[in-house]
Amino acid sequence: AQQTSLGKNARALETEYRDKVARDY
């Protein structure tokens, strides 16, 4: 997970998509 930045990427995507839903609603 560290070598591939899996956690970092997943957290960044969650923030991006959550923020979009927040804007939509």
PDBML (XML) file of the C-alpha atoms, coordinates in Angstrom:
<?xml version="1.0" encoding="UTF-8" ?>
<PDBx:datablock datablockName="MODEL"
   xmlns:PDBx="http://pdbml.pdb.org/schema/pdbx-v50.xsd"
   xmlns:xsi="http://www.w3.org/2001/XMLSchema-instance"
   xsi:schemaLocation="http://pdbml.pdb.org/schema/pdbx-v50.xsd pdbx-v50.xsd">
   <PDBx:atom_siteCategory>
      <PDBx:atom_site id="1">
         <PDBx:B_iso_or_equiv>0.00</PDBx:B_iso_or_equiv>
         <PDBx:Cartn_x>0.000</PDBx:Cartn_x>
         <PDBx:Cartn_y>0.000</PDBx:Cartn_y>
         <PDBx:Cartn_z>0.000</PDBx:Cartn_z>
         <PDBx:auth_asym_id>A</PDBx:auth_asym_id>
         <PDBx:auth_atom_id>CA</PDBx:auth_atom_id>
         <PDBx:auth_comp_id>ALA</PDBx:auth_comp_id>
         <PDBx:auth_seq_id>1</PDBx:auth_seq_id>
         <PDBx:group_PDB>ATOM</PDBx:group_PDB>
         <PDBx:label_alt_id xsi:nil="true" />
         <PDBx:label_asym_id>A</PDBx:label_asym_id>
         <PDBx:label_atom_id>CA</PDBx:label_atom_id>
         <PDBx:label_comp_id>ALA</PDBx:label_comp_id>
         <PDBx:label_entity_id>1</PDBx:label_entity_id>
         <PDBx:label_seq_id>1</PDBx:label_seq_id>
         <PDBx:occupancy>1.00</PDBx:occupancy>
         <PDBx:pdbx_PDB_model_num>1</PDBx:pdbx_PDB_model_num>
         <PDBx:type_symbol>C</PDBx:type_symbol>
      </PDBx:atom_site>
      <PDBx:atom_site id="2">
         <PDBx:B_iso_or_equiv>0.00</PDBx:B_iso_or_equiv>
         <PDBx:Cartn_x>2.877</PDBx:Cartn_x>
         <PDBx:Cartn_y>2.350</PDBx:Cartn_y>
         <PDBx:Cartn_z>0.831</PDBx:Cartn_z>
         <PDBx:auth_asym_id>A</PDBx:auth_asym_id>
         <PDBx:auth_atom_id>CA</PDBx:auth_atom_id>
         <PDBx:auth_comp_id>GLN</PDBx:auth_comp_id>
         <PDBx:auth_seq_id>2</PDBx:auth_seq_id>
         <PDBx:group_PDB>ATOM</PDBx:group_PDB>
         <PDBx:label_alt_id xsi:nil="true" />
         <PDBx:label_asym_id>A</PDBx:label_asym_id>
         <PDBx:label_atom_id>CA</PDBx:label_atom_id>
         <PDBx:label_comp_id>GLN</PDBx:label_comp_id>
         <PDBx:label_entity_id>1</PDBx:label_entity_id>
         <PDBx:label_seq_id>2</PDBx:label_seq_id>
         <PDBx:occupancy>1.00</PDBx:occupancy>
         <PDBx:pdbx_PDB_model_num>1</PDBx:pdbx_PDB_model_num>
         <PDBx:type_symbol>C</PDBx:type_symbol>
      </PDBx:atom_site>
      <PDBx:atom_site id="3">
         <PDBx:B_iso_or_equiv>0.00</PDBx:B_iso_or_equiv>
         <PDBx:Cartn_x>4.848</PDBx:Cartn_x>
         <PDBx:Cartn_y>1.543</PDBx:Cartn_y>
         <PDBx:Cartn_z>-2.343</PDBx:Cartn_z>
         <PDBx:auth_asym_id>A</PDBx:auth_asym_id>
         <PDBx:auth_atom_id>CA</PDBx:auth_atom_id>
         <PDBx:auth_comp_id>GLN</PDBx:auth_comp_id>
         <PDBx:auth_seq_id>3</PDBx:auth_seq_id>
         <PDBx:group_PDB>ATOM</PDBx:group_PDB>
         <PDBx:label_alt_id xsi:nil="true" />
         <PDBx:label_asym_id>A</PDBx:label_asym_id>
         <PDBx:label_atom_id>CA</PDBx:label_atom_id>
         <PDBx:label_comp_id>GLN</PDBx:label_comp_id>
         <PDBx:label_entity_id>1</PDBx:label_entity_id>
         <PDBx:label_seq_id>3</PDBx:label_seq_id>
         <PDBx:occupancy>1.00</PDBx:occupancy>
         <PDBx:pdbx_PDB_model_num>1</PDBx:pdbx_PDB_model_num>
         <PDBx:type_symbol>C</PDBx:type_symbol>
      </PDBx:atom_site>
      <PDBx:atom_site id="4">
         <PDBx:B_iso_or_equiv>0.00</PDBx:B_iso_or_equiv>
         <PDBx:Cartn_x>1.827</PDBx:Cartn_x>
         <PDBx:Cartn_y>2.059</PDBx:Cartn_y>
         <PDBx:Cartn_z>-4.591</PDBx:Cartn_z>
         <PDBx:auth_asym_id>A</PDBx:auth_asym_id>
         <PDBx:auth_atom_id>CA</PDBx:auth_atom_id>
         <PDBx:auth_comp_id>THR</PDBx:auth_comp_id>
         <PDBx:auth_seq_id>4</PDBx:auth_seq_id>
         <PDBx:group_PDB>ATOM</PDBx:group_PDB>
         <PDBx:label_alt_id xsi:nil="true" />
         <PDBx:label_asym_id>A</PDBx:label_asym_id>
         <PDBx:label_atom_id>CA</PDBx:label_atom_id>
         <PDBx:label_comp_id>THR</PDBx:label_comp_id>
         <PDBx:label_entity_id>1</PDBx:label_entity_id>
         <PDBx:label_seq_id>4</PDBx:label_seq_id>
         <PDBx:occupancy>1.00</PDBx:occupancy>
         <PDBx:pdbx_PDB_model_num>1</PDBx:pdbx_PDB_model_num>
         <PDBx:type_symbol>C</PDBx:type_symbol>
      </PDBx:atom_site>
      <PDBx:atom_site id="5">
         <PDBx:B_iso_or_equiv>0.00</PDBx:B_iso_or_equiv>
         <PDBx:Cartn_x>0.349</PDBx:Cartn_x>
         <PDBx:Cartn_y>5.024</PDBx:Cartn_y>
         <PDBx:Cartn_z>-2.654</PDBx:Cartn_z>
         <PDBx:auth_asym_id>A</PDBx:auth_asym_id>
         <PDBx:auth_atom_id>CA</PDBx:auth_atom_id>
         <PDBx:auth_comp_id>SER</PDBx:auth_comp_id>
         <PDBx:auth_seq_id>5</PDBx:auth_seq_id>
         <PDBx:group_PDB>ATOM</PDBx:group_PDB>
         <PDBx:label_alt_id xsi:nil="true" />
         <PDBx:label_asym_id>A</PDBx:label_asym_id>
         <PDBx:label_atom_id>CA</PDBx:label_atom_id>
         <PDBx:label_comp_id>SER</PDBx:label_comp_id>
         <PDBx:label_entity_id>1</PDBx:label_entity_id>
         <PDBx:label_seq_id>5</PDBx:label_seq_id>
         <PDBx:occupancy>1.00</PDBx:occupancy>
         <PDBx:pdbx_PDB_model_num>1</PDBx:pdbx_PDB_model_num>
         <PDBx:type_symbol>C</PDBx:type_symbol>
      </PDBx:atom_site>
      <PDBx:atom_site id="6">
         <PDBx:B_iso_or_equiv>0.00</PDBx:B_iso_or_equiv>
         <PDBx:Cartn_x>-2.929</PDBx:Cartn_x>
         <PDBx:Cartn_y>3.111</PDBx:Cartn_y>
         <PDBx:Cartn_z>-2.416</PDBx:Cartn_z>
         <PDBx:auth_asym_id>A</PDBx:auth_asym_id>
         <PDBx:auth_atom_id>CA</PDBx:auth_atom_id>
         <PDBx:auth_comp_id>LEU</PDBx:auth_comp_id>
         <PDBx:auth_seq_id>6</PDBx:auth_seq_id>
         <PDBx:group_PDB>ATOM</PDBx:group_PDB>
         <PDBx:label_alt_id xsi:nil="true" />
         <PDBx:label_asym_id>A</PDBx:label_asym_id>
         <PDBx:label_atom_id>CA</PDBx:label_atom_id>
         <PDBx:label_comp_id>LEU</PDBx:label_comp_id>
         <PDBx:label_entity_id>1</PDBx:label_entity_id>
         <PDBx:label_seq_id>6</PDBx:label_seq_id>
         <PDBx:occupancy>1.00</PDBx:occupancy>
         <PDBx:pdbx_PDB_model_num>1</PDBx:pdbx_PDB_model_num>
         <PDBx:type_symbol>C</PDBx:type_symbol>
      </PDBx:atom_site>
      <PDBx:atom_site id="7">
         <PDBx:B_iso_or_equiv>0.00</PDBx:B_iso_or_equiv>
         <PDBx:Cartn_x>-4.071</PDBx:Cartn_x>
         <PDBx:Cartn_y>4.750</PDBx:Cartn_y>
         <PDBx:Cartn_z>0.810</PDBx:Cartn_z>
         <PDBx:auth_asym_id>A</PDBx:auth_asym_id>
         <PDBx:auth_atom_id>CA</PDBx:auth_atom_id>
         <PDBx:auth_comp_id>GLY</PDBx:auth_comp_id>
         <PDBx:auth_seq_id>7</PDBx:auth_seq_id>
         <PDBx:group_PDB>ATOM</PDBx:group_PDB>
         <PDBx:label_alt_id xsi:nil="true" />
         <PDBx:label_asym_id>A</PDBx:label_asym_id>
         <PDBx:label_atom_id>CA</PDBx:label_atom_id>
         <PDBx:label_comp_id>GLY</PDBx:label_comp_id>
         <PDBx:label_entity_id>1</PDBx:label_entity_id>
         <PDBx:label_seq_id>7</PDBx:label_seq_id>
         <PDBx:occupancy>1.00</PDBx:occupancy>
         <PDBx:pdbx_PDB_model_num>1</PDBx:pdbx_PDB_model_num>
         <PDBx:type_symbol>C</PDBx:type_symbol>
      </PDBx:atom_site>
      <PDBx:atom_site id="8">
         <PDBx:B_iso_or_equiv>0.00</PDBx:B_iso_or_equiv>
         <PDBx:Cartn_x>-3.003</PDBx:Cartn_x>
         <PDBx:Cartn_y>8.222</PDBx:Cartn_y>
         <PDBx:Cartn_z>-0.271</PDBx:Cartn_z>
         <PDBx:auth_asym_id>A</PDBx:auth_asym_id>
         <PDBx:auth_atom_id>CA</PDBx:auth_atom_id>
         <PDBx:auth_comp_id>LYS</PDBx:auth_comp_id>
         <PDBx:auth_seq_id>8</PDBx:auth_seq_id>
         <PDBx:group_PDB>ATOM</PDBx:group_PDB>
         <PDBx:label_alt_id xsi:nil="true" />
         <PDBx:label_asym_id>A</PDBx:label_asym_id>
         <PDBx:label_atom_id>CA</PDBx:label_atom_id>
         <PDBx:label_comp_id>LYS</PDBx:label_comp_id>
         <PDBx:label_entity_id>1</PDBx:label_entity_id>
         <PDBx:label_seq_id>8</PDBx:label_seq_id>
         <PDBx:occupancy>1.00</PDBx:occupancy>
         <PDBx:pdbx_PDB_model_num>1</PDBx:pdbx_PDB_model_num>
         <PDBx:type_symbol>C</PDBx:type_symbol>
      </PDBx:atom_site>
      <PDBx:atom_site id="9">
         <PDBx:B_iso_or_equiv>0.00</PDBx:B_iso_or_equiv>
         <PDBx:Cartn_x>-4.780</PDBx:Cartn_x>
         <PDBx:Cartn_y>7.896</PDBx:Cartn_y>
         <PDBx:Cartn_z>-3.615</PDBx:Cartn_z>
         <PDBx:auth_asym_id>A</PDBx:auth_asym_id>
         <PDBx:auth_atom_id>CA</PDBx:auth_atom_id>
         <PDBx:auth_comp_id>ASN</PDBx:auth_comp_id>
         <PDBx:auth_seq_id>9</PDBx:auth_seq_id>
         <PDBx:group_PDB>ATOM</PDBx:group_PDB>
         <PDBx:label_alt_id xsi:nil="true" />
         <PDBx:label_asym_id>A</PDBx:label_asym_id>
         <PDBx:label_atom_id>CA</PDBx:label_atom_id>
         <PDBx:label_comp_id>ASN</PDBx:label_comp_id>
         <PDBx:label_entity_id>1</PDBx:label_entity_id>
         <PDBx:label_seq_id>9</PDBx:label_seq_id>
         <PDBx:occupancy>1.00</PDBx:occupancy>
         <PDBx:pdbx_PDB_model_num>1</PDBx:pdbx_PDB_model_num>
         <PDBx:type_symbol>C</PDBx:type_symbol>
      </PDBx:atom_site>
      <PDBx:atom_site id="10">
         <PDBx:B_iso_or_equiv>0.00</PDBx:B_iso_or_equiv>
         <PDBx:Cartn_x>-7.923</PDBx:Cartn_x>
         <PDBx:Cartn_y>6.431</PDBx:Cartn_y>
         <PDBx:Cartn_z>-2.079</PDBx:Cartn_z>
         <PDBx:auth_asym_id>A</PDBx:auth_asym_id>
         <PDBx:auth_atom_id>CA</PDBx:auth_atom_id>
         <PDBx:auth_comp_id>ALA</PDBx:auth_comp_id>
         <PDBx:auth_seq_id>10</PDBx:auth_seq_id>
         <PDBx:group_PDB>ATOM</PDBx:group_PDB>
         <PDBx:label_alt_id xsi:nil="true" />
         <PDBx:label_asym_id>A</PDBx:label_asym_id>
         <PDBx:label_atom_id>CA</PDBx:label_atom_id>
         <PDBx:label_comp_id>ALA</PDBx:label_comp_id>
         <PDBx:label_entity_id>1</PDBx:label_entity_id>
         <PDBx:label_seq_id>10</PDBx:label_seq_id>
         <PDBx:occupancy>1.00</PDBx:occupancy>
         <PDBx:pdbx_PDB_model_num>1</PDBx:pdbx_PDB_model_num>
         <PDBx:type_symbol>C</PDBx:type_symbol>
      </PDBx:atom_site>
      <PDBx:atom_site id="11">
         <PDBx:B_iso_or_equiv>0.00</PDBx:B_iso_or_equiv>
         <PDBx:Cartn_x>-8.120</PDBx:Cartn_x>
         <PDBx:Cartn_y>9.249</PDBx:Cartn_y>
         <PDBx:Cartn_z>0.493</PDBx:Cartn_z>
         <PDBx:auth_asym_id>A</PDBx:auth_asym_id>
         <PDBx:auth_atom_id>CA</PDBx:auth_atom_id>
         <PDBx:auth_comp_id>ARG</PDBx:auth_comp_id>
         <PDBx:auth_seq_id>11</PDBx:auth_seq_id>
         <PDBx:group_PDB>ATOM</PDBx:group_PDB>
         <PDBx:label_alt_id xsi:nil="true" />
         <PDBx:label_asym_id>A</PDBx:label_asym_id>
         <PDBx:label_atom_id>CA</PDBx:label_atom_id>
         <PDBx:label_comp_id>ARG</PDBx:label_comp_id>
         <PDBx:label_entity_id>1</PDBx:label_entity_id>
         <PDBx:label_seq_id>11</PDBx:label_seq_id>
         <PDBx:occupancy>1.00</PDBx:occupancy>
         <PDBx:pdbx_PDB_model_num>1</PDBx:pdbx_PDB_model_num>
         <PDBx:type_symbol>C</PDBx:type_symbol>
      </PDBx:atom_site>
      <PDBx:atom_site id="12">
         <PDBx:B_iso_or_equiv>0.00</PDBx:B_iso_or_equiv>
         <PDBx:Cartn_x>-7.593</PDBx:Cartn_x>
         <PDBx:Cartn_y>11.902</PDBx:Cartn_y>
         <PDBx:Cartn_z>-2.195</PDBx:Cartn_z>
         <PDBx:auth_asym_id>A</PDBx:auth_asym_id>
         <PDBx:auth_atom_id>CA</PDBx:auth_atom_id>
         <PDBx:auth_comp_id>ALA</PDBx:auth_comp_id>
         <PDBx:auth_seq_id>12</PDBx:auth_seq_id>
         <PDBx:group_PDB>ATOM</PDBx:group_PDB>
         <PDBx:label_alt_id xsi:nil="true" />
         <PDBx:label_asym_id>A</PDBx:label_asym_id>
         <PDBx:label_atom_id>CA</PDBx:label_atom_id>
         <PDBx:label_comp_id>ALA</PDBx:label_comp_id>
         <PDBx:label_entity_id>1</PDBx:label_entity_id>
         <PDBx:label_seq_id>12</PDBx:label_seq_id>
         <PDBx:occupancy>1.00</PDBx:occupancy>
         <PDBx:pdbx_PDB_model_num>1</PDBx:pdbx_PDB_model_num>
         <PDBx:type_symbol>C</PDBx:type_symbol>
      </PDBx:atom_site>
      <PDBx:atom_site id="13">
         <PDBx:B_iso_or_equiv>0.00</PDBx:B_iso_or_equiv>
         <PDBx:Cartn_x>-10.324</PDBx:Cartn_x>
         <PDBx:Cartn_y>10.388</PDBx:Cartn_y>
         <PDBx:Cartn_z>-4.366</PDBx:Cartn_z>
         <PDBx:auth_asym_id>A</PDBx:auth_asym_id>
         <PDBx:auth_atom_id>CA</PDBx:auth_atom_id>
         <PDBx:auth_comp_id>LEU</PDBx:auth_comp_id>
         <PDBx:auth_seq_id>13</PDBx:auth_seq_id>
         <PDBx:group_PDB>ATOM</PDBx:group_PDB>
         <PDBx:label_alt_id xsi:nil="true" />
         <PDBx:label_asym_id>A</PDBx:label_asym_id>
         <PDBx:label_atom_id>CA</PDBx:label_atom_id>
         <PDBx:label_comp_id>LEU</PDBx:label_comp_id>
         <PDBx:label_entity_id>1</PDBx:label_entity_id>
         <PDBx:label_seq_id>13</PDBx:label_seq_id>
         <PDBx:occupancy>1.00</PDBx:occupancy>
         <PDBx:pdbx_PDB_model_num>1</PDBx:pdbx_PDB_model_num>
         <PDBx:type_symbol>C</PDBx:type_symbol>
      </PDBx:atom_site>
      <PDBx:atom_site id="14">
         <PDBx:B_iso_or_equiv>0.00</PDBx:B_iso_or_equiv>
         <PDBx:Cartn_x>-12.682</PDBx:Cartn_x>
         <PDBx:Cartn_y>10.161</PDBx:Cartn_y>
         <PDBx:Cartn_z>-1.414</PDBx:Cartn_z>
         <PDBx:auth_asym_id>A</PDBx:auth_asym_id>
         <PDBx:auth_atom_id>CA</PDBx:auth_atom_id>
         <PDBx:auth_comp_id>GLU</PDBx:auth_comp_id>
         <PDBx:auth_seq_id>14</PDBx:auth_seq_id>
         <PDBx:group_PDB>ATOM</PDBx:group_PDB>
         <PDBx:label_alt_id xsi:nil="true" />
         <PDBx:label_asym_id>A</PDBx:label_asym_id>
         <PDBx:label_atom_id>CA</PDBx:label_atom_id>
         <PDBx:label_comp_id>GLU</PDBx:label_comp_id>
         <PDBx:label_entity_id>1</PDBx:label_entity_id>
         <PDBx:label_seq_id>14</PDBx:label_seq_id>
         <PDBx:occupancy>1.00</PDBx:occupancy>
         <PDBx:pdbx_PDB_model_num>1</PDBx:pdbx_PDB_model_num>
         <PDBx:type_symbol>C</PDBx:type_symbol>
      </PDBx:atom_site>
      <PDBx:atom_site id="15">
         <PDBx:B_iso_or_equiv>0.00</PDBx:B_iso_or_equiv>
         <PDBx:Cartn_x>-12.143</PDBx:Cartn_x>
         <PDBx:Cartn_y>13.849</PDBx:Cartn_y>
         <PDBx:Cartn_z>-0.645</PDBx:Cartn_z>
         <PDBx:auth_asym_id>A</PDBx:auth_asym_id>
         <PDBx:auth_atom_id>CA</PDBx:auth_atom_id>
         <PDBx:auth_comp_id>THR</PDBx:auth_comp_id>
         <PDBx:auth_seq_id>15</PDBx:auth_seq_id>
         <PDBx:group_PDB>ATOM</PDBx:group_PDB>
         <PDBx:label_alt_id xsi:nil="true" />
         <PDBx:label_asym_id>A</PDBx:label_asym_id>
         <PDBx:label_atom_id>CA</PDBx:label_atom_id>
         <PDBx:label_comp_id>THR</PDBx:label_comp_id>
         <PDBx:label_entity_id>1</PDBx:label_entity_id>
         <PDBx:label_seq_id>15</PDBx:label_seq_id>
         <PDBx:occupancy>1.00</PDBx:occupancy>
         <PDBx:pdbx_PDB_model_num>1</PDBx:pdbx_PDB_model_num>
         <PDBx:type_symbol>C</PDBx:type_symbol>
      </PDBx:atom_site>
      <PDBx:atom_site id="16">
         <PDBx:B_iso_or_equiv>0.00</PDBx:B_iso_or_equiv>
         <PDBx:Cartn_x>-12.664</PDBx:Cartn_x>
         <PDBx:Cartn_y>14.784</PDBx:Cartn_y>
         <PDBx:Cartn_z>-4.294</PDBx:Cartn_z>
         <PDBx:auth_asym_id>A</PDBx:auth_asym_id>
         <PDBx:auth_atom_id>CA</PDBx:auth_atom_id>
         <PDBx:auth_comp_id>GLU</PDBx:auth_comp_id>
         <PDBx:auth_seq_id>16</PDBx:auth_seq_id>
         <PDBx:group_PDB>ATOM</PDBx:group_PDB>
         <PDBx:label_alt_id xsi:nil="true" />
         <PDBx:label_asym_id>A</PDBx:label_asym_id>
         <PDBx:label_atom_id>CA</PDBx:label_atom_id>
         <PDBx:label_comp_id>GLU</PDBx:label_comp_id>
         <PDBx:label_entity_id>1</PDBx:label_entity_id>
         <PDBx:label_seq_id>16</PDBx:label_seq_id>
         <PDBx:occupancy>1.00</PDBx:occupancy>
         <PDBx:pdbx_PDB_model_num>1</PDBx:pdbx_PDB_model_num>
         <PDBx:type_symbol>C</PDBx:type_symbol>
      </PDBx:atom_site>
      <PDBx:atom_site id="17">
         <PDBx:B_iso_or_equiv>0.00</PDBx:B_iso_or_equiv>
         <PDBx:Cartn_x>-15.858</PDBx:Cartn_x>
         <PDBx:Cartn_y>12.779</PDBx:Cartn_y>
         <PDBx:Cartn_z>-4.730</PDBx:Cartn_z>
         <PDBx:auth_asym_id>A</PDBx:auth_asym_id>
         <PDBx:auth_atom_id>CA</PDBx:auth_atom_id>
         <PDBx:auth_comp_id>TYR</PDBx:auth_comp_id>
         <PDBx:auth_seq_id>17</PDBx:auth_seq_id>
         <PDBx:group_PDB>ATOM</PDBx:group_PDB>
         <PDBx:label_alt_id xsi:nil="true" />
         <PDBx:label_asym_id>A</PDBx:label_asym_id>
         <PDBx:label_atom_id>CA</PDBx:label_atom_id>
         <PDBx:label_comp_id>TYR</PDBx:label_comp_id>
         <PDBx:label_entity_id>1</PDBx:label_entity_id>
         <PDBx:label_seq_id>17</PDBx:label_seq_id>
         <PDBx:occupancy>1.00</PDBx:occupancy>
         <PDBx:pdbx_PDB_model_num>1</PDBx:pdbx_PDB_model_num>
         <PDBx:type_symbol>C</PDBx:type_symbol>
      </PDBx:atom_site>
      <PDBx:atom_site id="18">
         <PDBx:B_iso_or_equiv>0.00</PDBx:B_iso_or_equiv>
         <PDBx:Cartn_x>-17.257</PDBx:Cartn_x>
         <PDBx:Cartn_y>13.644</PDBx:Cartn_y>
         <PDBx:Cartn_z>-1.282</PDBx:Cartn_z>
         <PDBx:auth_asym_id>A</PDBx:auth_asym_id>
         <PDBx:auth_atom_id>CA</PDBx:auth_atom_id>
         <PDBx:auth_comp_id>ARG</PDBx:auth_comp_id>
         <PDBx:auth_seq_id>18</PDBx:auth_seq_id>
         <PDBx:group_PDB>ATOM</PDBx:group_PDB>
         <PDBx:label_alt_id xsi:nil="true" />
         <PDBx:label_asym_id>A</PDBx:label_asym_id>
         <PDBx:label_atom_id>CA</PDBx:label_atom_id>
         <PDBx:label_comp_id>ARG</PDBx:label_comp_id>
         <PDBx:label_entity_id>1</PDBx:label_entity_id>
         <PDBx:label_seq_id>18</PDBx:label_seq_id>
         <PDBx:occupancy>1.00</PDBx:occupancy>
         <PDBx:pdbx_PDB_model_num>1</PDBx:pdbx_PDB_model_num>
         <PDBx:type_symbol>C</PDBx:type_symbol>
      </PDBx:atom_site>
      <PDBx:atom_site id="19">
         <PDBx:B_iso_or_equiv>0.00</PDBx:B_iso_or_equiv>
         <PDBx:Cartn_x>-16.716</PDBx:Cartn_x>
         <PDBx:Cartn_y>17.342</PDBx:Cartn_y>
         <PDBx:Cartn_z>-1.988</PDBx:Cartn_z>
         <PDBx:auth_asym_id>A</PDBx:auth_asym_id>
         <PDBx:auth_atom_id>CA</PDBx:auth_atom_id>
         <PDBx:auth_comp_id>ASP</PDBx:auth_comp_id>
         <PDBx:auth_seq_id>19</PDBx:auth_seq_id>
         <PDBx:group_PDB>ATOM</PDBx:group_PDB>
         <PDBx:label_alt_id xsi:nil="true" />
         <PDBx:label_asym_id>A</PDBx:label_asym_id>
         <PDBx:label_atom_id>CA</PDBx:label_atom_id>
         <PDBx:label_comp_id>ASP</PDBx:label_comp_id>
         <PDBx:label_entity_id>1</PDBx:label_entity_id>
         <PDBx:label_seq_id>19</PDBx:label_seq_id>
         <PDBx:occupancy>1.00</PDBx:occupancy>
         <PDBx:pdbx_PDB_model_num>1</PDBx:pdbx_PDB_model_num>
         <PDBx:type_symbol>C</PDBx:type_symbol>
      </PDBx:atom_site>
      <PDBx:atom_site id="20">
         <PDBx:B_iso_or_equiv>0.00</PDBx:B_iso_or_equiv>
         <PDBx:Cartn_x>-18.519</PDBx:Cartn_x>
         <PDBx:Cartn_y>16.996</PDBx:Cartn_y>
         <PDBx:Cartn_z>-5.314</PDBx:Cartn_z>
         <PDBx:auth_asym_id>A</PDBx:auth_asym_id>
         <PDBx:auth_atom_id>CA</PDBx:auth_atom_id>
         <PDBx:auth_comp_id>LYS</PDBx:auth_comp_id>
         <PDBx:auth_seq_id>20</PDBx:auth_seq_id>
         <PDBx:group_PDB>ATOM</PDBx:group_PDB>
         <PDBx:label_alt_id xsi:nil="true" />
         <PDBx:label_asym_id>A</PDBx:label_asym_id>
         <PDBx:label_atom_id>CA</PDBx:label_atom_id>
         <PDBx:label_comp_id>LYS</PDBx:label_comp_id>
         <PDBx:label_entity_id>1</PDBx:label_entity_id>
         <PDBx:label_seq_id>20</PDBx:label_seq_id>
         <PDBx:occupancy>1.00</PDBx:occupancy>
         <PDBx:pdbx_PDB_model_num>1</PDBx:pdbx_PDB_model_num>
         <PDBx:type_symbol>C</PDBx:type_symbol>
      </PDBx:atom_site>
      <PDBx:atom_site id="21">
         <PDBx:B_iso_or_equiv>0.00</PDBx:B_iso_or_equiv>
         <PDBx:Cartn_x>-21.504</PDBx:Cartn_x>
         <PDBx:Cartn_y>15.372</PDBx:Cartn_y>
         <PDBx:Cartn_z>-3.605</PDBx:Cartn_z>
         <PDBx:auth_asym_id>A</PDBx:auth_asym_id>
         <PDBx:auth_atom_id>CA</PDBx:auth_atom_id>
         <PDBx:auth_comp_id>VAL</PDBx:auth_comp_id>
         <PDBx:auth_seq_id>21</PDBx:auth_seq_id>
         <PDBx:group_PDB>ATOM</PDBx:group_PDB>
         <PDBx:label_alt_id xsi:nil="true" />
         <PDBx:label_asym_id>A</PDBx:label_asym_id>
         <PDBx:label_atom_id>CA</PDBx:label_atom_id>
         <PDBx:label_comp_id>VAL</PDBx:label_comp_id>
         <PDBx:label_entity_id>1</PDBx:label_entity_id>
         <PDBx:label_seq_id>21</PDBx:label_seq_id>
         <PDBx:occupancy>1.00</PDBx:occupancy>
         <PDBx:pdbx_PDB_model_num>1</PDBx:pdbx_PDB_model_num>
         <PDBx:type_symbol>C</PDBx:type_symbol>
      </PDBx:atom_site>
      <PDBx:atom_site id="22">
         <PDBx:B_iso_or_equiv>0.00</PDBx:B_iso_or_equiv>
         <PDBx:Cartn_x>-21.431</PDBx:Cartn_x>
         <PDBx:Cartn_y>18.167</PDBx:Cartn_y>
         <PDBx:Cartn_z>-1.025</PDBx:Cartn_z>
         <PDBx:auth_asym_id>A</PDBx:auth_asym_id>
         <PDBx:auth_atom_id>CA</PDBx:auth_atom_id>
         <PDBx:auth_comp_id>ALA</PDBx:auth_comp_id>
         <PDBx:auth_seq_id>22</PDBx:auth_seq_id>
         <PDBx:group_PDB>ATOM</PDBx:group_PDB>
         <PDBx:label_alt_id xsi:nil="true" />
         <PDBx:label_asym_id>A</PDBx:label_asym_id>
         <PDBx:label_atom_id>CA</PDBx:label_atom_id>
         <PDBx:label_comp_id>ALA</PDBx:label_comp_id>
         <PDBx:label_entity_id>1</PDBx:label_entity_id>
         <PDBx:label_seq_id>22</PDBx:label_seq_id>
         <PDBx:occupancy>1.00</PDBx:occupancy>
         <PDBx:pdbx_PDB_model_num>1</PDBx:pdbx_PDB_model_num>
         <PDBx:type_symbol>C</PDBx:type_symbol>
      </PDBx:atom_site>
      <PDBx:atom_site id="23">
         <PDBx:B_iso_or_equiv>0.00</PDBx:B_iso_or_equiv>
         <PDBx:Cartn_x>-21.561</PDBx:Cartn_x>
         <PDBx:Cartn_y>20.743</PDBx:Cartn_y>
         <PDBx:Cartn_z>-3.832</PDBx:Cartn_z>
         <PDBx:auth_asym_id>A</PDBx:auth_asym_id>
         <PDBx:auth_atom_id>CA</PDBx:auth_atom_id>
         <PDBx:auth_comp_id>ARG</PDBx:auth_comp_id>
         <PDBx:auth_seq_id>23</PDBx:auth_seq_id>
         <PDBx:group_PDB>ATOM</PDBx:group_PDB>
         <PDBx:label_alt_id xsi:nil="true" />
         <PDBx:label_asym_id>A</PDBx:label_asym_id>
         <PDBx:label_atom_id>CA</PDBx:label_atom_id>
         <PDBx:label_comp_id>ARG</PDBx:label_comp_id>
         <PDBx:label_entity_id>1</PDBx:label_entity_id>
         <PDBx:label_seq_id>23</PDBx:label_seq_id>
         <PDBx:occupancy>1.00</PDBx:occupancy>
         <PDBx:pdbx_PDB_model_num>1</PDBx:pdbx_PDB_model_num>
         <PDBx:type_symbol>C</PDBx:type_symbol>
      </PDBx:atom_site>
      <PDBx:atom_site id="24">
         <PDBx:B_iso_or_equiv>0.00</PDBx:B_iso_or_equiv>
         <PDBx:Cartn_x>-24.361</PDBx:Cartn_x>
         <PDBx:Cartn_y>18.832</PDBx:Cartn_y>
         <PDBx:Cartn_z>-5.577</PDBx:Cartn_z>
         <PDBx:auth_asym_id>A</PDBx:auth_asym_id>
         <PDBx:auth_atom_id>CA</PDBx:auth_atom_id>
         <PDBx:auth_comp_id>ASP</PDBx:auth_comp_id>
         <PDBx:auth_seq_id>24</PDBx:auth_seq_id>
         <PDBx:group_PDB>ATOM</PDBx:group_PDB>
         <PDBx:label_alt_id xsi:nil="true" />
         <PDBx:label_asym_id>A</PDBx:label_asym_id>
         <PDBx:label_atom_id>CA</PDBx:label_atom_id>
         <PDBx:label_comp_id>ASP</PDBx:label_comp_id>
         <PDBx:label_entity_id>1</PDBx:label_entity_id>
         <PDBx:label_seq_id>24</PDBx:label_seq_id>
         <PDBx:occupancy>1.00</PDBx:occupancy>
         <PDBx:pdbx_PDB_model_num>1</PDBx:pdbx_PDB_model_num>
         <PDBx:type_symbol>C</PDBx:type_symbol>
      </PDBx:atom_site>
      <PDBx:atom_site id="25">
         <PDBx:B_iso_or_equiv>0.00</PDBx:B_iso_or_equiv>
         <PDBx:Cartn_x>-26.368</PDBx:Cartn_x>
         <PDBx:Cartn_y>18.814</PDBx:Cartn_y>
         <PDBx:Cartn_z>-2.351</PDBx:Cartn_z>
         <PDBx:auth_asym_id>A</PDBx:auth_asym_id>
         <PDBx:auth_atom_id>CA</PDBx:auth_atom_id>
         <PDBx:auth_comp_id>TYR</PDBx:auth_comp_id>
         <PDBx:auth_seq_id>25</PDBx:auth_seq_id>
         <PDBx:group_PDB>ATOM</PDBx:group_PDB>
         <PDBx:label_alt_id xsi:nil="true" />
         <PDBx:label_asym_id>A</PDBx:label_asym_id>
         <PDBx:label_atom_id>CA</PDBx:label_atom_id>
         <PDBx:label_comp_id>TYR</PDBx:label_comp_id>
         <PDBx:label_entity_id>1</PDBx:label_entity_id>
         <PDBx:label_seq_id>25</PDBx:label_seq_id>
         <PDBx:occupancy>1.00</PDBx:occupancy>
         <PDBx:pdbx_PDB_model_num>1</PDBx:pdbx_PDB_model_num>
         <PDBx:type_symbol>C</PDBx:type_symbol>
      </PDBx:atom_site>
   </PDBx:atom_siteCategory>
</PDBx:datablock>
